[in-house]
Structures are given as structure tokens and as C-alpha cells.
Amino acid sequence: MADNEKIYHNLKSKTIGLKSAVELLEKCPPEKKDKVIRLMREAAQDIIMLLTELEAKPKS
């Protein structure tokens, strides 16, 4: 898989995962919300890293 393709694939996976976590967060018991939010923050940070990688690539 080419580098850009891998980044796009990872972006899709992370954004889908984040969407799923939001749906879970709405329904999860209060004692589990902190864990779900922590996982969501990690996914969001990964998304930011992937977007930064894309921005750093030469424009063609």
C-alpha cells in the first residue's frame, strides 16, 4: 500500500472509530464515560498526526 493510501486508510479507520465511540458514549454508564473519553482523545490525537503527515507531503 502506498504511503498516502495508508494514511487515508488510517484516517478512515480512526474517524469511523471516533464516530462509533460517540454513539457508545451517549449510551454508556457514567462510570465508563471517562474511559471512553480517554480513548476518543487518543483517536483524535492520531487523526491530528495523520493530517499533519498529509500536510507535510509535497503537493502534486
PDB file of N, CA and C in Angstrom:
ATOM      1  N   MET A   1       0.852  -1.179   0.000  1.00  0.00           N
ATOM      2  CA  MET A   1       0.000   0.000   0.000  1.00  0.00           C
ATOM      3  C   MET A   1       0.896   1.240   0.000  1.00  0.00           C
ATOM      4  N   ALA A   2       0.630   2.145  -0.892  1.00  0.00           N
ATOM      5  CA  ALA A   2       1.420   3.379  -0.963  1.00  0.00           C
ATOM      6  C   ALA A   2       1.230   4.186   0.317  1.00  0.00           C
ATOM      7  N   ASP A   3       2.201   5.037   0.577  1.00  0.00           N
ATOM      8  CA  ASP A   3       2.205   5.808   1.818  1.00  0.00           C
ATOM      9  C   ASP A   3       0.920   6.638   1.986  1.00  0.00           C
ATOM     10  N   ASN A   4       0.533   7.380   0.940  1.00  0.00           N
ATOM     11  CA  ASN A   4      -0.690   8.181   1.030  1.00  0.00           C
ATOM     12  C   ASN A   4      -1.917   7.303   1.231  1.00  0.00           C
ATOM     13  N   GLU A   5      -1.954   6.180   0.539  1.00  0.00           N
ATOM     14  CA  GLU A   5      -3.085   5.264   0.688  1.00  0.00           C
ATOM     15  C   GLU A   5      -3.192   4.767   2.130  1.00  0.00           C
ATOM     16  N   LYS A   6      -2.045   4.487   2.729  1.00  0.00           N
ATOM     17  CA  LYS A   6      -2.029   4.024   4.117  1.00  0.00           C
ATOM     18  C   LYS A   6      -2.548   5.121   5.047  1.00  0.00           C
ATOM     19  N   ILE A   7      -2.132   6.354   4.811  1.00  0.00           N
ATOM     20  CA  ILE A   7      -2.600   7.471   5.637  1.00  0.00           C
ATOM     21  C   ILE A   7      -4.115   7.625   5.499  1.00  0.00           C
ATOM     22  N   TYR A   8      -4.612   7.592   4.258  1.00  0.00           N
ATOM     23  CA  TYR A   8      -6.061   7.710   4.042  1.00  0.00           C
ATOM     24  C   TYR A   8      -6.821   6.560   4.697  1.00  0.00           C
ATOM     25  N   HIS A   9      -6.281   5.362   4.576  1.00  0.00           N
ATOM     26  CA  HIS A   9      -6.908   4.200   5.210  1.00  0.00           C
ATOM     27  C   HIS A   9      -6.979   4.384   6.728  1.00  0.00           C
ATOM     28  N   ASN A  10      -5.865   4.816   7.317  1.00  0.00           N
ATOM     29  CA  ASN A  10      -5.828   5.025   8.764  1.00  0.00           C
ATOM     30  C   ASN A  10      -6.771   6.147   9.200  1.00  0.00           C
ATOM     31  N   LEU A  11      -6.842   7.200   8.391  1.00  0.00           N
ATOM     32  CA  LEU A  11      -7.780   8.295   8.694  1.00  0.00           C
ATOM     33  C   LEU A  11      -9.219   7.795   8.694  1.00  0.00           C
ATOM     34  N   LYS A  12      -9.563   7.019   7.686  1.00  0.00           N
ATOM     35  CA  LYS A  12     -10.919   6.474   7.624  1.00  0.00           C
ATOM     36  C   LYS A  12     -11.217   5.613   8.840  1.00  0.00           C
ATOM     37  N   SER A  13     -10.278   4.751   9.192  1.00  0.00           N
ATOM     38  CA  SER A  13     -10.475   3.863  10.341  1.00  0.00           C
ATOM     39  C   SER A  13     -10.637   4.638  11.637  1.00  0.00           C
ATOM     40  N   LYS A  14      -9.774   5.629  11.829  1.00  0.00           N
ATOM     41  CA  LYS A  14      -9.835   6.414  13.069  1.00  0.00           C
ATOM     42  C   LYS A  14     -11.112   7.235  13.155  1.00  0.00           C
ATOM     43  N   THR A  15     -11.540   7.823  12.043  1.00  0.00           N
ATOM     44  CA  THR A  15     -12.756   8.643  12.087  1.00  0.00           C
ATOM     45  C   THR A  15     -13.994   7.776  12.292  1.00  0.00           C
ATOM     46  N   ILE A  16     -14.018   6.599  11.690  1.00  0.00           N
ATOM     47  CA  ILE A  16     -15.136   5.676  11.909  1.00  0.00           C
ATOM     48  C   ILE A  16     -15.154   5.228  13.372  1.00  0.00           C
ATOM     49  N   GLY A  17     -13.982   4.940  13.906  1.00  0.00           N
ATOM     50  CA  GLY A  17     -13.881   4.541  15.311  1.00  0.00           C
ATOM     51  C   GLY A  17     -14.340   5.648  16.249  1.00  0.00           C
ATOM     52  N   LEU A  18     -13.989   6.874  15.921  1.00  0.00           N
ATOM     53  CA  LEU A  18     -14.392   8.009  16.746  1.00  0.00           C
ATOM     54  C   LEU A  18     -15.903   8.184  16.702  1.00  0.00           C
ATOM     55  N   LYS A  19     -16.484   8.031  15.534  1.00  0.00           N
ATOM     56  CA  LYS A  19     -17.949   8.125  15.391  1.00  0.00           C
ATOM     57  C   LYS A  19     -18.623   7.046  16.233  1.00  0.00           C
ATOM     58  N   SER A  20     -18.110   5.836  16.180  1.00  0.00           N
ATOM     59  CA  SER A  20     -18.667   4.738  16.973  1.00  0.00           C
ATOM     60  C   SER A  20     -18.546   5.021  18.467  1.00  0.00           C
ATOM     61  N   ALA A  21     -17.426   5.601  18.858  1.00  0.00           N
ATOM     62  CA  ALA A  21     -17.226   5.918  20.273  1.00  0.00           C
ATOM     63  C   ALA A  21     -18.220   6.972  20.755  1.00  0.00           C
ATOM     64  N   VAL A  22     -18.546   7.933  19.894  1.00  0.00           N
ATOM     65  CA  VAL A  22     -19.542   8.948  20.260  1.00  0.00           C
ATOM     66  C   VAL A  22     -20.886   8.278  20.513  1.00  0.00           C
ATOM     67  N   GLU A  23     -21.256   7.356  19.646  1.00  0.00           N
ATOM     68  CA  GLU A  23     -22.523   6.644  19.817  1.00  0.00           C
ATOM     69  C   GLU A  23     -22.508   5.820  21.104  1.00  0.00           C
ATOM     70  N   LEU A  24     -21.371   5.212  21.408  1.00  0.00           N
ATOM     71  CA  LEU A  24     -21.227   4.444  22.640  1.00  0.00           C
ATOM     72  C   LEU A  24     -21.292   5.368  23.860  1.00  0.00           C
ATOM     73  N   LEU A  25     -20.647   6.502  23.764  1.00  0.00           N
ATOM     74  CA  LEU A  25     -20.591   7.449  24.873  1.00  0.00           C
ATOM     75  C   LEU A  25     -21.983   7.886  25.306  1.00  0.00           C
ATOM     76  N   GLU A  26     -22.867   8.087  24.336  1.00  0.00           N
ATOM     77  CA  GLU A  26     -24.230   8.517  24.649  1.00  0.00           C
ATOM     78  C   GLU A  26     -24.979   7.481  25.484  1.00  0.00           C
ATOM     79  N   LYS A  27     -24.608   6.207  25.326  1.00  0.00           N
ATOM     80  CA  LYS A  27     -25.354   5.126  25.963  1.00  0.00           C
ATOM     81  C   LYS A  27     -24.637   4.481  27.145  1.00  0.00           C
ATOM     82  N   CYS A  28     -23.362   4.801  27.334  1.00  0.00           N
ATOM     83  CA  CYS A  28     -22.605   4.082  28.359  1.00  0.00           C
ATOM     84  C   CYS A  28     -22.896   4.631  29.758  1.00  0.00           C
ATOM     85  N   PRO A  29     -22.741   3.770  30.765  1.00  0.00           N
ATOM     86  CA  PRO A  29     -22.965   4.205  32.143  1.00  0.00           C
ATOM     87  C   PRO A  29     -21.924   5.250  32.557  1.00  0.00           C
ATOM     88  N   PRO A  30     -22.301   6.101  33.477  1.00  0.00           N
ATOM     89  CA  PRO A  30     -21.396   7.192  33.900  1.00  0.00           C
ATOM     90  C   PRO A  30     -20.009   6.713  34.329  1.00  0.00           C
ATOM     91  N   GLU A  31     -19.921   5.558  34.955  1.00  0.00           N
ATOM     92  CA  GLU A  31     -18.617   5.087  35.445  1.00  0.00           C
ATOM     93  C   GLU A  31     -17.674   4.668  34.318  1.00  0.00           C
ATOM     94  N   LYS A  32     -18.184   4.495  33.109  1.00  0.00           N
ATOM     95  CA  LYS A  32     -17.338   4.114  31.979  1.00  0.00           C
ATOM     96  C   LYS A  32     -17.050   5.280  31.035  1.00  0.00           C
ATOM     97  N   LYS A  33     -17.699   6.411  31.256  1.00  0.00           N
ATOM     98  CA  LYS A  33     -17.539   7.545  30.343  1.00  0.00           C
ATOM     99  C   LYS A  33     -16.105   8.050  30.286  1.00  0.00           C
ATOM    100  N   ASP A  34     -15.424   8.101  31.422  1.00  0.00           N
ATOM    101  CA  ASP A  34     -14.035   8.596  31.438  1.00  0.00           C
ATOM    102  C   ASP A  34     -13.137   7.745  30.544  1.00  0.00           C
ATOM    103  N   LYS A  35     -13.331   6.424  30.579  1.00  0.00           N
ATOM    104  CA  LYS A  35     -12.513   5.534  29.757  1.00  0.00           C
ATOM    105  C   LYS A  35     -12.800   5.762  28.274  1.00  0.00           C
ATOM    106  N   VAL A  36     -14.076   5.884  27.923  1.00  0.00           N
ATOM    107  CA  VAL A  36     -14.444   6.104  26.525  1.00  0.00           C
ATOM    108  C   VAL A  36     -13.896   7.451  26.046  1.00  0.00           C
ATOM    109  N   ILE A  37     -14.005   8.478  26.874  1.00  0.00           N
ATOM    110  CA  ILE A  37     -13.492   9.799  26.503  1.00  0.00           C
ATOM    111  C   ILE A  37     -11.980   9.750  26.314  1.00  0.00           C
ATOM    112  N   ARG A  38     -11.286   9.019  27.164  1.00  0.00           N
ATOM    113  CA  ARG A  38      -9.829   8.885  27.013  1.00  0.00           C
ATOM    114  C   ARG A  38      -9.483   8.226  25.680  1.00  0.00           C
ATOM    115  N   LEU A  39     -10.210   7.178  25.321  1.00  0.00           N
ATOM    116  CA  LEU A  39      -9.982   6.513  24.035  1.00  0.00           C
ATOM    117  C   LEU A  39     -10.299   7.438  22.865  1.00  0.00           C
ATOM    118  N   MET A  40     -11.335   8.252  23.021  1.00  0.00           N
ATOM    119  CA  MET A  40     -11.690   9.207  21.973  1.00  0.00           C
ATOM    120  C   MET A  40     -10.596  10.255  21.797  1.00  0.00           C
ATOM    121  N   ARG A  41     -10.037  10.718  22.897  1.00  0.00           N
ATOM    122  CA  ARG A  41      -8.938  11.692  22.810  1.00  0.00           C
ATOM    123  C   ARG A  41      -7.730  11.100  22.093  1.00  0.00           C
ATOM    124  N   GLU A  42      -7.424   9.843  22.391  1.00  0.00           N
ATOM    125  CA  GLU A  42      -6.293   9.177  21.728  1.00  0.00           C
ATOM    126  C   GLU A  42      -6.546   9.075  20.225  1.00  0.00           C
ATOM    127  N   ALA A  43      -7.760   8.715  19.846  1.00  0.00           N
ATOM    128  CA  ALA A  43      -8.099   8.621  18.423  1.00  0.00           C
ATOM    129  C   ALA A  43      -8.001   9.994  17.761  1.00  0.00           C
ATOM    130  N   ALA A  44      -8.473  11.024  18.452  1.00  0.00           N
ATOM    131  CA  ALA A  44      -8.411  12.382  17.909  1.00  0.00           C
ATOM    132  C   ALA A  44      -6.955  12.819  17.720  1.00  0.00           C
ATOM    133  N   GLN A  45      -6.094  12.477  18.665  1.00  0.00           N
ATOM    134  CA  GLN A  45      -4.676  12.822  18.524  1.00  0.00           C
ATOM    135  C   GLN A  45      -4.051  12.083  17.348  1.00  0.00           C
ATOM    136  N   ASP A  46      -4.439  10.832  17.149  1.00  0.00           N
ATOM    137  CA  ASP A  46      -3.951  10.072  15.994  1.00  0.00           C
ATOM    138  C   ASP A  46      -4.407  10.725  14.690  1.00  0.00           C
ATOM    139  N   ILE A  47      -5.656  11.180  14.652  1.00  0.00           N
ATOM    140  CA  ILE A  47      -6.181  11.858  13.464  1.00  0.00           C
ATOM    141  C   ILE A  47      -5.379  13.121  13.183  1.00  0.00           C
ATOM    142  N   ILE A  48      -5.073  13.880  14.205  1.00  0.00           N
ATOM    143  CA  ILE A  48      -4.272  15.100  14.028  1.00  0.00           C
ATOM    144  C   ILE A  48      -2.889  14.745  13.475  1.00  0.00           C
ATOM    145  N   MET A  49      -2.272  13.694  13.988  1.00  0.00           N
ATOM    146  CA  MET A  49      -0.951  13.280  13.484  1.00  0.00           C
ATOM    147  C   MET A  49      -1.028  12.891  12.020  1.00  0.00           C
ATOM    148  N   LEU A  50      -2.060  12.147  11.640  1.00  0.00           N
ATOM    149  CA  LEU A  50      -2.208  11.725  10.248  1.00  0.00           C
ATOM    150  C   LEU A  50      -2.437  12.922   9.331  1.00  0.00           C
ATOM    151  N   LEU A  51      -3.238  13.875   9.764  1.00  0.00           N
ATOM    152  CA  LEU A  51      -3.469  15.077   8.962  1.00  0.00           C
ATOM    153  C   LEU A  51      -2.188  15.895   8.817  1.00  0.00           C
ATOM    154  N   THR A  52      -1.401  15.940   9.865  1.00  0.00           N
ATOM    155  CA  THR A  52      -0.116  16.649   9.816  1.00  0.00           C
ATOM    156  C   THR A  52       0.816  15.977   8.812  1.00  0.00           C
ATOM    157  N   GLU A  53       0.805  14.642   8.786  1.00  0.00           N
ATOM    158  CA  GLU A  53       1.610  13.914   7.801  1.00  0.00           C
ATOM    159  C   GLU A  53       1.181  14.270   6.385  1.00  0.00           C
ATOM    160  N   LEU A  54      -0.126  14.324   6.152  1.00  0.00           N
ATOM    161  CA  LEU A  54      -0.619  14.671   4.822  1.00  0.00           C
ATOM    162  C   LEU A  54      -0.207  16.077   4.430  1.00  0.00           C
ATOM    163  N   GLU A  55      -0.297  17.014   5.357  1.00  0.00           N
ATOM    164  CA  GLU A  55       0.082  18.398   5.070  1.00  0.00           C
ATOM    165  C   GLU A  55       1.560  18.529   4.731  1.00  0.00           C
ATOM    166  N   ALA A  56       2.375  17.686   5.338  1.00  0.00           N
ATOM    167  CA  ALA A  56       3.826  17.765   5.141  1.00  0.00           C
ATOM    168  C   ALA A  56       4.277  17.172   3.807  1.00  0.00           C
ATOM    169  N   LYS A  57       3.411  16.393   3.191  1.00  0.00           N
ATOM    170  CA  LYS A  57       3.767  15.767   1.921  1.00  0.00           C
ATOM    171  C   LYS A  57       3.814  16.814   0.811  1.00  0.00           C
ATOM    172  N   PRO A  58       4.715  16.605  -0.143  1.00  0.00           N
ATOM    173  CA  PRO A  58       4.772  17.533  -1.274  1.00  0.00           C
ATOM    174  C   PRO A  58       3.442  17.547  -2.025  1.00  0.00           C
ATOM    175  N   LYS A  59       3.050  18.715  -2.455  1.00  0.00           N
ATOM    176  CA  LYS A  59       1.807  18.869  -3.228  1.00  0.00           C
ATOM    177  C   LYS A  59       2.087  18.477  -4.674  1.00  0.00           C
ATOM    178  N   SER A  60       1.167  17.716  -5.234  1.00  0.00           N
ATOM    179  CA  SER A  60       1.378  17.330  -6.641  1.00  0.00           C
ATOM    180  C   SER A  60       0.187  17.686  -7.482  1.00  0.00           C
TER     181      SER A  60
END
